[in-house]
PDB file of N, CA and C in Angstrom:
ATOM      1  N   MET A   1     132.114 107.966  68.503  1.00  0.00           N
ATOM      2  CA  MET A   1     130.739 108.329  68.723  1.00  0.00           C
ATOM      3  C   MET A   1     130.172 107.539  69.959  1.00  0.00           C
ATOM      4  N   LYS A   2     130.631 106.258  70.060  1.00  0.00           N
ATOM      5  CA  LYS A   2     130.093 105.435  71.164  1.00  0.00           C
ATOM      6  C   LYS A   2     130.620 105.964  72.572  1.00  0.00           C
ATOM      7  N   SER A   3     131.850 106.462  72.555  1.00  0.00           N
ATOM      8  CA  SER A   3     132.304 106.986  73.890  1.00  0.00           C
ATOM      9  C   SER A   3     131.589 108.342  74.145  1.00  0.00           C
ATOM     10  N   ALA A   4     131.209 109.093  73.127  1.00  0.00           N
ATOM     11  CA  ALA A   4     130.541 110.328  73.431  1.00  0.00           C
ATOM     12  C   ALA A   4     129.124 110.065  74.030  1.00  0.00           C
ATOM     13  N   LEU A   5     128.511 109.025  73.522  1.00  0.00           N
ATOM     14  CA  LEU A   5     127.176 108.586  74.098  1.00  0.00           C
ATOM     15  C   LEU A   5     127.256 108.051  75.475  1.00  0.00           C
ATOM     16  N   THR A   6     128.383 107.366  75.721  1.00  0.00           N
ATOM     17  CA  THR A   6     128.565 106.812  77.089  1.00  0.00           C
ATOM     18  C   THR A   6     128.883 107.992  78.076  1.00  0.00           C
ATOM     19  N   ILE A   7     129.589 108.921  77.682  1.00  0.00           N
ATOM     20  CA  ILE A   7     129.849 110.154  78.506  1.00  0.00           C
ATOM     21  C   ILE A   7     128.567 110.928  78.719  1.00  0.00           C
ATOM     22  N   PHE A   8     127.771 111.096  77.754  1.00  0.00           N
ATOM     23  CA  PHE A   8     126.534 111.765  77.824  1.00  0.00           C
ATOM     24  C   PHE A   8     125.580 111.145  78.796  1.00  0.00           C
ATOM     25  N   LEU A   9     125.478 109.746  78.780  1.00  0.00           N
ATOM     26  CA  LEU A   9     124.648 109.029  79.626  1.00  0.00           C
ATOM     27  C   LEU A   9     125.115 109.105  81.008  1.00  0.00           C
ATOM     28  N   ALA A  10     126.428 109.020  81.312  1.00  0.00           N
ATOM     29  CA  ALA A  10     127.031 109.105  82.516  1.00  0.00           C
ATOM     30  C   ALA A  10     126.759 110.467  83.181  1.00  0.00           C
ATOM     31  N   LEU A  11     126.769 111.541  82.372  1.00  0.00           N
ATOM     32  CA  LEU A  11     126.540 112.934  82.889  1.00  0.00           C
ATOM     33  C   LEU A  11     125.067 113.056  83.251  1.00  0.00           C
ATOM     34  N   LEU A  12     124.275 112.411  82.424  1.00  0.00           N
ATOM     35  CA  LEU A  12     122.823 112.464  82.716  1.00  0.00           C
ATOM     36  C   LEU A  12     122.478 111.825  84.052  1.00  0.00           C
ATOM     37  N   LEU A  13     123.037 110.603  84.232  1.00  0.00           N
ATOM     38  CA  LEU A  13     122.874 109.957  85.468  1.00  0.00           C
ATOM     39  C   LEU A  13     123.235 110.801  86.637  1.00  0.00           C
ATOM     40  N   ILE A  14     124.520 111.367  86.521  1.00  0.00           N
ATOM     41  CA  ILE A  14     125.049 112.111  87.658  1.00  0.00           C
ATOM     42  C   ILE A  14     124.134 113.283  87.888  1.00  0.00           C
ATOM     43  N   SER A  15     123.590 113.900  86.870  1.00  0.00           N
ATOM     44  CA  SER A  15     122.816 115.063  87.144  1.00  0.00           C
ATOM     45  C   SER A  15     121.401 114.893  87.595  1.00  0.00           C
ATOM     46  N   CYS A  16     120.891 113.637  87.339  1.00  0.00           N
ATOM     47  CA  CYS A  16     119.450 113.278  87.866  1.00  0.00           C
ATOM     48  C   CYS A  16     119.512 113.088  89.322  1.00  0.00           C
ATOM     49  N   LYS A  17     118.719 114.092  89.963  1.00  0.00           N
ATOM     50  CA  LYS A  17     118.591 113.971  91.415  1.00  0.00           C
ATOM     51  C   LYS A  17     117.031 114.006  91.713  1.00  0.00           C
ATOM     52  N   VAL A  18     116.685 113.652  92.882  1.00  0.00           N
ATOM     53  CA  VAL A  18     115.168 113.644  93.197  1.00  0.00           C
ATOM     54  C   VAL A  18     115.156 114.212  94.681  1.00  0.00           C
ATOM     55  N   GLY A  19     114.062 114.812  94.935  1.00  0.00           N
ATOM     56  CA  GLY A  19     113.849 115.323  96.345  1.00  0.00           C
ATOM     57  C   GLY A  19     112.657 114.484  96.968  1.00  0.00           C
ATOM     58  N   THR A  20     112.679 114.179  98.086  1.00  0.00           N
ATOM     59  CA  THR A  20     111.583 113.444  98.677  1.00  0.00           C
ATOM     60  C   THR A  20     110.332 114.279  98.937  1.00  0.00           C
ATOM     61  N   GLU A  21     110.525 115.568  98.871  1.00  0.00           N
ATOM     62  CA  GLU A  21     109.272 116.462  98.962  1.00  0.00           C
ATOM     63  C   GLU A  21     108.337 116.198  97.991  1.00  0.00           C
ATOM     64  N   VAL A  22     108.695 115.541  96.876  1.00  0.00           N
ATOM     65  CA  VAL A  22     107.763 115.238  95.683  1.00  0.00           C
ATOM     66  C   VAL A  22     106.643 114.358  96.195  1.00  0.00           C
ATOM     67  N   PHE A  23     106.946 113.416  97.150  1.00  0.00           N
ATOM     68  CA  PHE A  23     105.883 112.451  97.488  1.00  0.00           C
ATOM     69  C   PHE A  23     105.441 112.372  98.969  1.00  0.00           C
ATOM     70  N   ILE A  24     106.066 113.255  99.812  1.00  0.00           N
ATOM     71  CA  ILE A  24     105.566 113.310 101.194  1.00  0.00           C
ATOM     72  C   ILE A  24     104.112 113.644 101.344  1.00  0.00           C
ATOM     73  N   ASP A  25     103.383 112.881 101.983  1.00  0.00           N
ATOM     74  CA  ASP A  25     101.949 113.191 102.256  1.00  0.00           C
ATOM     75  C   ASP A  25     101.772 112.802 103.692  1.00  0.00           C
ATOM     76  N   ILE A  26     101.626 113.922 104.594  1.00  0.00           N
ATOM     77  CA  ILE A  26     101.535 113.556 106.029  1.00  0.00           C
ATOM     78  C   ILE A  26     100.272 112.970 106.393  1.00  0.00           C
ATOM     79  N   ALA A  27      99.296 112.892 105.464  1.00  0.00           N
ATOM     80  CA  ALA A  27      97.981 112.274 105.815  1.00  0.00           C
ATOM     81  C   ALA A  27      97.925 110.862 105.250  1.00  0.00           C
ATOM     82  N   GLU A  28      98.981 110.364 104.556  1.00  0.00           N
ATOM     83  CA  GLU A  28      98.875 109.095 103.996  1.00  0.00           C
ATOM     84  C   GLU A  28      99.211 107.969 104.952  1.00  0.00           C
ATOM     85  N   THR A  29      98.529 106.867 104.825  1.00  0.00           N
ATOM     86  CA  THR A  29      98.960 105.563 105.511  1.00  0.00           C
ATOM     87  C   THR A  29      99.965 104.855 104.591  1.00  0.00           C
ATOM     88  N   TYR A  30     101.067 104.378 105.301  1.00  0.00           N
ATOM     89  CA  TYR A  30     102.077 103.679 104.638  1.00  0.00           C
ATOM     90  C   TYR A  30     102.137 102.227 104.997  1.00  0.00           C
ATOM     91  N   THR A  31     102.536 101.385 104.090  1.00  0.00           N
ATOM     92  CA  THR A  31     102.595  99.937 104.346  1.00  0.00           C
ATOM     93  C   THR A  31     103.991  99.529 104.450  1.00  0.00           C
ATOM     94  N   VAL A  32     104.309  98.789 105.549  1.00  0.00           N
ATOM     95  CA  VAL A  32     105.709  98.244 105.723  1.00  0.00           C
ATOM     96  C   VAL A  32     105.772  96.814 105.575  1.00  0.00           C
ATOM     97  N   SER A  33     106.653  96.303 104.753  1.00  0.00           N
ATOM     98  CA  SER A  33     106.839  94.843 104.559  1.00  0.00           C
ATOM     99  C   SER A  33     108.334  94.532 104.984  1.00  0.00           C
ATOM    100  N   ILE A  34     108.408  93.540 105.870  1.00  0.00           N
ATOM    101  CA  ILE A  34     109.828  93.099 106.261  1.00  0.00           C
ATOM    102  C   ILE A  34     110.073  91.743 105.618  1.00  0.00           C
ATOM    103  N   ASN A  35     111.159  91.733 104.925  1.00  0.00           N
ATOM    104  CA  ASN A  35     111.688  90.514 104.187  1.00  0.00           C
ATOM    105  C   ASN A  35     113.071  90.125 104.742  1.00  0.00           C
ATOM    106  N   GLU A  36     113.243  88.790 104.815  1.00  0.00           N
ATOM    107  CA  GLU A  36     114.459  88.234 105.270  1.00  0.00           C
ATOM    108  C   GLU A  36     114.864  87.186 104.280  1.00  0.00           C
ATOM    109  N   SER A  37     116.163  87.341 103.757  1.00  0.00           N
ATOM    110  CA  SER A  37     116.627  86.350 102.654  1.00  0.00           C
ATOM    111  C   SER A  37     115.668  86.311 101.653  1.00  0.00           C
ATOM    112  N   GLY A  38     115.035  87.521 101.164  1.00  0.00           N
ATOM    113  CA  GLY A  38     114.171  87.454 100.012  1.00  0.00           C
ATOM    114  C   GLY A  38     112.702  86.927 100.334  1.00  0.00           C
ATOM    115  N   LYS A  39     112.436  86.566 101.545  1.00  0.00           N
ATOM    116  CA  LYS A  39     111.114  86.010 101.843  1.00  0.00           C
ATOM    117  C   LYS A  39     110.374  86.936 102.713  1.00  0.00           C
ATOM    118  N   HIS A  40     109.177  87.135 102.483  1.00  0.00           N
ATOM    119  CA  HIS A  40     108.236  88.069 103.260  1.00  0.00           C
ATOM    120  C   HIS A  40     107.960  87.419 104.590  1.00  0.00           C
ATOM    121  N   THR A  41     108.268  88.227 105.690  1.00  0.00           N
ATOM    122  CA  THR A  41     108.080  87.686 107.034  1.00  0.00           C
ATOM    123  C   THR A  41     107.065  88.486 107.826  1.00  0.00           C
ATOM    124  N   LYS A  42     106.795  89.791 107.485  1.00  0.00           N
ATOM    125  CA  LYS A  42     105.890  90.583 108.316  1.00  0.00           C
ATOM    126  C   LYS A  42     105.353  91.808 107.516  1.00  0.00           C
ATOM    127  N   LYS A  43     104.156  92.191 107.684  1.00  0.00           N
ATOM    128  CA  LYS A  43     103.650  93.334 107.002  1.00  0.00           C
ATOM    129  C   LYS A  43     102.584  94.079 108.023  1.00  0.00           C
ATOM    130  N   TYR A  44     102.691  95.306 108.000  1.00  0.00           N
ATOM    131  CA  TYR A  44     101.756  96.149 108.880  1.00  0.00           C
ATOM    132  C   TYR A  44     101.740  97.555 108.165  1.00  0.00           C
ATOM    133  N   THR A  45     100.769  98.423 108.685  1.00  0.00           N
ATOM    134  CA  THR A  45     100.549  99.753 108.276  1.00  0.00           C
ATOM    135  C   THR A  45     101.054 100.725 109.255  1.00  0.00           C
ATOM    136  N   ILE A  46     101.363 101.883 108.853  1.00  0.00           N
ATOM    137  CA  ILE A  46     101.755 103.007 109.594  1.00  0.00           C
ATOM    138  C   ILE A  46     100.728 104.146 109.378  1.00  0.00           C
ATOM    139  N   ASN A  47      99.872 104.472 110.379  1.00  0.00           N
ATOM    140  CA  ASN A  47      98.900 105.336 110.205  1.00  0.00           C
ATOM    141  C   ASN A  47      99.255 106.826 110.623  1.00  0.00           C
ATOM    142  N   PRO A  48      98.645 107.819 109.965  1.00  0.00           N
ATOM    143  CA  PRO A  48      98.914 109.113 110.372  1.00  0.00           C
ATOM    144  C   PRO A  48      98.685 109.395 111.796  1.00  0.00           C
ATOM    145  N   GLY A  49      99.325 110.166 112.450  1.00  0.00           N
ATOM    146  CA  GLY A  49      99.278 110.456 113.865  1.00  0.00           C
ATOM    147  C   GLY A  49     100.057 109.522 114.811  1.00  0.00           C
ATOM    148  N   SER A  50     100.501 108.433 114.282  1.00  0.00           N
ATOM    149  CA  SER A  50     101.329 107.502 115.083  1.00  0.00           C
ATOM    150  C   SER A  50     102.760 107.977 115.198  1.00  0.00           C
ATOM    151  N   GLU A  51     103.459 107.454 116.240  1.00  0.00           N
ATOM    152  CA  GLU A  51     104.905 107.822 116.364  1.00  0.00           C
ATOM    153  C   GLU A  51     105.755 107.359 115.273  1.00  0.00           C
ATOM    154  N   LYS A  52     105.481 106.217 114.675  1.00  0.00           N
ATOM    155  CA  LYS A  52     106.294 105.692 113.585  1.00  0.00           C
ATOM    156  C   LYS A  52     106.080 106.608 112.350  1.00  0.00           C
ATOM    157  N   HIS A  53     104.774 106.979 112.115  1.00  0.00           N
ATOM    158  CA  HIS A  53     104.487 107.839 110.954  1.00  0.00           C
ATOM    159  C   HIS A  53     105.210 109.252 111.146  1.00  0.00           C
ATOM    160  N   ALA A  54     105.272 109.768 112.263  1.00  0.00           N
ATOM    161  CA  ALA A  54     105.870 111.114 112.513  1.00  0.00           C
ATOM    162  C   ALA A  54     107.391 110.970 112.309  1.00  0.00           C
ATOM    163  N   LYS A  55     107.908 109.837 112.734  1.00  0.00           N
ATOM    164  CA  LYS A  55     109.422 109.601 112.578  1.00  0.00           C
ATOM    165  C   LYS A  55     109.755 109.443 111.043  1.00  0.00           C
ATOM    166  N   LEU A  56     108.891 108.661 110.353  1.00  0.00           N
ATOM    167  CA  LEU A  56     109.147 108.405 108.981  1.00  0.00           C
ATOM    168  C   LEU A  56     109.065 109.743 108.163  1.00  0.00           C
ATOM    169  N   VAL A  57     107.994 110.585 108.403  1.00  0.00           N
ATOM    170  CA  VAL A  57     107.838 111.697 107.704  1.00  0.00           C
ATOM    171  C   VAL A  57     109.021 112.717 108.037  1.00  0.00           C
ATOM    172  N   ALA A  58     109.423 112.733 109.274  1.00  0.00           N
ATOM    173  CA  ALA A  58     110.642 113.629 109.654  1.00  0.00           C
ATOM    174  C   ALA A  58     111.927 113.117 109.048  1.00  0.00           C
ATOM    175  N   TRP A  59     112.022 111.852 108.863  1.00  0.00           N
ATOM    176  CA  TRP A  59     113.222 111.257 108.187  1.00  0.00           C
ATOM    177  C   TRP A  59     113.274 111.777 106.741  1.00  0.00           C
ATOM    178  N   LEU A  60     112.069 111.582 106.060  1.00  0.00           N
ATOM    179  CA  LEU A  60     111.926 111.942 104.717  1.00  0.00           C
ATOM    180  C   LEU A  60     112.299 113.402 104.503  1.00  0.00           C
ATOM    181  N   LYS A  61     111.819 114.236 105.344  1.00  0.00           N
ATOM    182  CA  LYS A  61     112.062 115.660 105.281  1.00  0.00           C
ATOM    183  C   LYS A  61     113.547 115.932 105.421  1.00  0.00           C
ATOM    184  N   GLN A  62     114.156 115.305 106.442  1.00  0.00           N
ATOM    185  CA  GLN A  62     115.610 115.536 106.703  1.00  0.00           C
ATOM    186  C   GLN A  62     116.447 114.898 105.540  1.00  0.00           C
ATOM    187  N   ASN A  63     115.952 114.014 104.784  1.00  0.00           N
ATOM    188  CA  ASN A  63     116.791 113.353 103.734  1.00  0.00           C
ATOM    189  C   ASN A  63     116.029 113.691 102.392  1.00  0.00           C
ATOM    190  N   ASN A  64     115.796 114.907 102.155  1.00  0.00           N
ATOM    191  CA  ASN A  64     115.141 115.406 101.002  1.00  0.00           C
ATOM    192  C   ASN A  64     116.085 115.500  99.777  1.00  0.00           C
ATOM    193  N   SER A  65     117.357 115.520  99.998  1.00  0.00           N
ATOM    194  CA  SER A  65     118.328 115.683  98.957  1.00  0.00           C
ATOM    195  C   SER A  65     119.502 114.683  99.044  1.00  0.00           C
ATOM    196  N   ASP A  66     120.390 114.810  98.019  1.00  0.00           N
ATOM    197  CA  ASP A  66     121.505 113.865  97.973  1.00  0.00           C
ATOM    198  C   ASP A  66     121.247 112.422  97.631  1.00  0.00           C
ATOM    199  N   TRP A  67     120.169 112.171  96.864  1.00  0.00           N
ATOM    200  CA  TRP A  67     119.816 110.784  96.395  1.00  0.00           C
ATOM    201  C   TRP A  67     120.503 110.631  95.061  1.00  0.00           C
ATOM    202  N   ASP A  68     121.198 109.548  94.864  1.00  0.00           N
ATOM    203  CA  ASP A  68     121.898 109.281  93.662  1.00  0.00           C
ATOM    204  C   ASP A  68     121.167 108.165  92.848  1.00  0.00           C
ATOM    205  N   PRO A  69     121.107 108.420  91.508  1.00  0.00           N
ATOM    206  CA  PRO A  69     120.461 107.419  90.639  1.00  0.00           C
ATOM    207  C   PRO A  69     121.256 106.091  90.685  1.00  0.00           C
ATOM    208  N   THR A  70     120.429 105.007  90.550  1.00  0.00           N
ATOM    209  CA  THR A  70     121.000 103.684  90.508  1.00  0.00           C
ATOM    210  C   THR A  70     120.269 102.793  89.648  1.00  0.00           C
ATOM    211  N   PRO A  71     120.973 102.061  88.682  1.00  0.00           N
ATOM    212  CA  PRO A  71     120.346 101.162  87.789  1.00  0.00           C
ATOM    213  C   PRO A  71     120.196  99.783  88.275  1.00  0.00           C
ATOM    214  N   ALA A  72     120.772  99.430  89.382  1.00  0.00           N
ATOM    215  CA  ALA A  72     120.818  98.061  89.924  1.00  0.00           C
ATOM    216  C   ALA A  72     119.486  97.609  90.373  1.00  0.00           C
ATOM    217  N   SER A  73     119.331  96.298  90.518  1.00  0.00           N
ATOM    218  CA  SER A  73     118.165  95.697  91.100  1.00  0.00           C
ATOM    219  C   SER A  73     118.566  95.232  92.566  1.00  0.00           C
ATOM    220  N   TYR A  74     117.608  95.292  93.494  1.00  0.00           N
ATOM    221  CA  TYR A  74     117.883  95.004  94.802  1.00  0.00           C
ATOM    222  C   TYR A  74     116.923  94.033  95.437  1.00  0.00           C
ATOM    223  N   VAL A  75     117.285  93.178  96.231  1.00  0.00           N
ATOM    224  CA  VAL A  75     116.451  92.153  96.875  1.00  0.00           C
ATOM    225  C   VAL A  75     115.661  93.027  98.021  1.00  0.00           C
ATOM    226  N   PRO A  76     114.363  92.793  98.161  1.00  0.00           N
ATOM    227  CA  PRO A  76     113.604  93.491  99.160  1.00  0.00           C
ATOM    228  C   PRO A  76     114.167  93.265 100.601  1.00  0.00           C
ATOM    229  N   GLY A  77     114.239  94.363 101.346  1.00  0.00           N
ATOM    230  CA  GLY A  77     114.638  94.273 102.785  1.00  0.00           C
ATOM    231  C   GLY A  77     113.403  94.754 103.545  1.00  0.00           C
ATOM    232  N   LEU A  78     113.509  95.841 104.197  1.00  0.00           N
ATOM    233  CA  LEU A  78     112.434  96.530 104.872  1.00  0.00           C
ATOM    234  C   LEU A  78     111.930  97.573 103.891  1.00  0.00           C
ATOM    235  N   VAL A  79     110.663  97.301 103.385  1.00  0.00           N
ATOM    236  CA  VAL A  79     110.071  98.050 102.364  1.00  0.00           C
ATOM    237  C   VAL A  79     108.918  98.901 102.875  1.00  0.00           C
ATOM    238  N   VAL A  80     109.025 100.205 102.655  1.00  0.00           N
ATOM    239  CA  VAL A  80     107.888 101.142 102.980  1.00  0.00           C
ATOM    240  C   VAL A  80     107.303 101.555 101.700  1.00  0.00           C
ATOM    241  N   GLU A  81     105.902 101.385 101.559  1.00  0.00           N
ATOM    242  CA  GLU A  81     105.325 101.839 100.376  1.00  0.00           C
ATOM    243  C   GLU A  81     104.206 102.824 100.639  1.00  0.00           C
ATOM    244  N   GLY A  82     104.263 103.881  99.780  1.00  0.00           N
ATOM    245  CA  GLY A  82     103.198 104.848  99.744  1.00  0.00           C
ATOM    246  C   GLY A  82     102.678 105.017  98.391  1.00  0.00           C
ATOM    247  N   THR A  83     101.802 106.125  98.236  1.00  0.00           N
ATOM    248  CA  THR A  83     101.356 106.310  96.796  1.00  0.00           C
ATOM    249  C   THR A  83     102.493 106.849  95.923  1.00  0.00           C
ATOM    250  N   GLY A  84     102.792 106.116  94.978  1.00  0.00           N
ATOM    251  CA  GLY A  84     103.785 106.565  93.952  1.00  0.00           C
ATOM    252  C   GLY A  84     105.182 106.372  94.374  1.00  0.00           C
ATOM    253  N   PHE A  85     105.510 105.770  95.432  1.00  0.00           N
ATOM    254  CA  PHE A  85     106.929 105.505  95.800  1.00  0.00           C
ATOM    255  C   PHE A  85     107.058 104.302  96.766  1.00  0.00           C
ATOM    256  N   SER A  86     108.272 103.808  96.793  1.00  0.00           N
ATOM    257  CA  SER A  86     108.626 102.839  97.770  1.00  0.00           C
ATOM    258  C   SER A  86     110.109 103.109  98.280  1.00  0.00           C
ATOM    259  N   LEU A  87     110.348 102.760  99.512  1.00  0.00           N
ATOM    260  CA  LEU A  87     111.773 102.797 100.201  1.00  0.00           C
ATOM    261  C   LEU A  87     112.109 101.426 100.545  1.00  0.00           C
ATOM    262  N   ASN A  88     113.255 100.977 100.120  1.00  0.00           N
ATOM    263  CA  ASN A  88     113.733  99.691 100.447  1.00  0.00           C
ATOM    264  C   ASN A  88     114.991  99.824 101.294  1.00  0.00           C
ATOM    265  N   PHE A  89     114.836  99.722 102.671  1.00  0.00           N
ATOM    266  CA  PHE A  89     115.991  99.853 103.558  1.00  0.00           C
ATOM    267  C   PHE A  89     116.714  98.537 103.649  1.00  0.00           C
ATOM    268  N   MET A  90     117.985  98.751 103.400  1.00  0.00           N
ATOM    269  CA  MET A  90     118.867  97.508 103.373  1.00  0.00           C
ATOM    270  C   MET A  90     120.195  97.849 104.106  1.00  0.00           C
ATOM    271  N   ARG A  91     120.301  97.372 105.293  1.00  0.00           N
ATOM    272  CA  ARG A  91     121.491  97.692 106.168  1.00  0.00           C
ATOM    273  C   ARG A  91     122.068  99.064 106.056  1.00  0.00           C
ATOM    274  N   THR A  92     122.946  99.313 105.213  1.00  0.00           N
ATOM    275  CA  THR A  92     123.664 100.667 105.148  1.00  0.00           C
ATOM    276  C   THR A  92     123.132 101.536 103.984  1.00  0.00           C
ATOM    277  N   GLY A  93     122.090 101.141 103.284  1.00  0.00           N
ATOM    278  CA  GLY A  93     121.536 101.918 102.213  1.00  0.00           C
ATOM    279  C   GLY A  93     120.027 101.856 102.066  1.00  0.00           C
ATOM    280  N   VAL A  94     119.512 102.823 101.416  1.00  0.00           N
ATOM    281  CA  VAL A  94     117.994 102.817 101.174  1.00  0.00           C
ATOM    282  C   VAL A  94     117.819 103.111  99.632  1.00  0.00           C
ATOM    283  N   ILE A  95     116.885 102.369  99.144  1.00  0.00           N
ATOM    284  CA  ILE A  95     116.676 102.566  97.624  1.00  0.00           C
ATOM    285  C   ILE A  95     115.293 103.189  97.575  1.00  0.00           C
ATOM    286  N   LEU A  96     115.241 104.208  96.817  1.00  0.00           N
ATOM    287  CA  LEU A  96     113.873 104.910  96.560  1.00  0.00           C
ATOM    288  C   LEU A  96     113.486 104.717  95.117  1.00  0.00           C
ATOM    289  N   ASN A  97     112.196 104.069  95.039  1.00  0.00           N
ATOM    290  CA  ASN A  97     111.646 104.003  93.711  1.00  0.00           C
ATOM    291  C   ASN A  97     110.495 104.944  93.581  1.00  0.00           C
ATOM    292  N   CYS A  98     110.401 105.671  92.608  1.00  0.00           N
ATOM    293  CA  CYS A  98     109.373 106.657  92.247  1.00  0.00           C
ATOM    294  C   CYS A  98     109.193 106.954  90.763  1.00  0.00           C
ATOM    295  N   LYS A  99     108.246 107.750  90.391  1.00  0.00           N
ATOM    296  CA  LYS A  99     108.101 108.002  88.998  1.00  0.00           C
ATOM    297  C   LYS A  99     109.310 108.595  88.326  1.00  0.00           C
ATOM    298  N   GLU A 100     110.203 109.230  89.130  1.00  0.00           N
ATOM    299  CA  GLU A 100     111.358 109.957  88.573  1.00  0.00           C
ATOM    300  C   GLU A 100     112.503 108.963  88.349  1.00  0.00           C
ATOM    301  N   GLY A 101     112.351 107.719  88.930  1.00  0.00           N
ATOM    302  CA  GLY A 101     113.428 106.704  88.721  1.00  0.00           C
ATOM    303  C   GLY A 101     113.684 105.905  89.959  1.00  0.00           C
ATOM    304  N   GLN A 102     114.917 105.424  90.055  1.00  0.00           N
ATOM    305  CA  GLN A 102     115.371 104.647  91.155  1.00  0.00           C
ATOM    306  C   GLN A 102     116.665 105.319  91.689  1.00  0.00           C
ATOM    307  N   PHE A 103     116.597 105.555  93.039  1.00  0.00           N
ATOM    308  CA  PHE A 103     117.689 106.392  93.576  1.00  0.00           C
ATOM    309  C   PHE A 103     118.164 105.616  94.948  1.00  0.00           C
ATOM    310  N   THR A 104     119.397 105.949  95.271  1.00  0.00           N
ATOM    311  CA  THR A 104     119.961 105.355  96.578  1.00  0.00           C
ATOM    312  C   THR A 104     120.539 106.361  97.528  1.00  0.00           C
ATOM    313  N   LYS A 105     120.643 106.028  98.653  1.00  0.00           N
ATOM    314  CA  LYS A 105     121.207 106.989  99.716  1.00  0.00           C
ATOM    315  C   LYS A 105     121.837 105.987 100.820  1.00  0.00           C
ATOM    316  N   SER A 106     122.894 106.481 101.513  1.00  0.00           N
ATOM    317  CA  SER A 106     123.346 105.710 102.598  1.00  0.00           C
ATOM    318  C   SER A 106     122.552 106.106 103.894  1.00  0.00           C
ATOM    319  N   VAL A 107     122.383 105.000 104.694  1.00  0.00           N
ATOM    320  CA  VAL A 107     121.665 105.118 105.974  1.00  0.00           C
ATOM    321  C   VAL A 107     122.354 104.371 107.022  1.00  0.00           C
ATOM    322  N   LYS A 108     121.970 104.666 108.186  1.00  0.00           N
ATOM    323  CA  LYS A 108     122.361 103.868 109.442  1.00  0.00           C
ATOM    324  C   LYS A 108     121.198 103.112 109.938  1.00  0.00           C
ATOM    325  N   LEU A 109     121.504 102.031 110.545  1.00  0.00           N
ATOM    326  CA  LEU A 109     120.409 101.228 111.168  1.00  0.00           C
ATOM    327  C   LEU A 109     119.463 102.062 112.069  1.00  0.00           C
ATOM    328  N   GLU A 110     120.062 102.960 112.816  1.00  0.00           N
ATOM    329  CA  GLU A 110     119.201 103.740 113.694  1.00  0.00           C
ATOM    330  C   GLU A 110     118.316 104.752 113.013  1.00  0.00           C
ATOM    331  N   ASP A 111     118.507 104.899 111.678  1.00  0.00           N
ATOM    332  CA  ASP A 111     117.598 105.807 110.806  1.00  0.00           C
ATOM    333  C   ASP A 111     116.200 105.105 110.720  1.00  0.00           C
ATOM    334  N   TYR A 112     116.214 103.729 110.713  1.00  0.00           N
ATOM    335  CA  TYR A 112     115.039 103.043 110.447  1.00  0.00           C
ATOM    336  C   TYR A 112     114.792 101.866 111.370  1.00  0.00           C
ATOM    337  N   GLU A 113     115.484 101.682 112.296  1.00  0.00           N
ATOM    338  CA  GLU A 113     115.332 100.557 113.273  1.00  0.00           C
ATOM    339  C   GLU A 113     113.929 100.571 113.936  1.00  0.00           C
ATOM    340  N   TYR A 114     113.284 101.680 114.185  1.00  0.00           N
ATOM    341  CA  TYR A 114     112.024 101.756 114.805  1.00  0.00           C
ATOM    342  C   TYR A 114     110.987 100.994 113.845  1.00  0.00           C
ATOM    343  N   LEU A 115     111.220 100.887 112.548  1.00  0.00           N
ATOM    344  CA  LEU A 115     110.257 100.213 111.684  1.00  0.00           C
ATOM    345  C   LEU A 115     110.372  98.731 111.796  1.00  0.00           C
ATOM    346  N   LEU A 116     111.413  98.223 112.322  1.00  0.00           N
ATOM    347  CA  LEU A 116     111.661  96.763 112.463  1.00  0.00           C
ATOM    348  C   LEU A 116     110.748  96.193 113.637  1.00  0.00           C
ATOM    349  N   GLN A 117     110.204  97.023 114.488  1.00  0.00           N
ATOM    350  CA  GLN A 117     109.514  96.619 115.682  1.00  0.00           C
ATOM    351  C   GLN A 117     108.085  96.554 115.477  1.00  0.00           C
TER     352      GLN A 117
END
């Protein structure tokens, strides 16, 4: 019985996917927090109409699928916050937190490097 429950939960996690179209709002102002070694170092906003905002919305649209559920906890890196979601960019991965759960996806530095400036 215990192994059946484990298999069921594993299949449930594998089948849970999320799409970023759920929370993309092209008129929303996003907050960016940069953290180093777990300490907050910089915070700023990205306003609609700015180049950074356009790049972020385009990235979210291009990365609408293939998010995998993750139960792990992560130290904040470069965090983008919007209404109902946050993205935590960490070197080669990004963690999405939203009402649907917590998900992860592989990224490259060039995917979000513009947010560090």
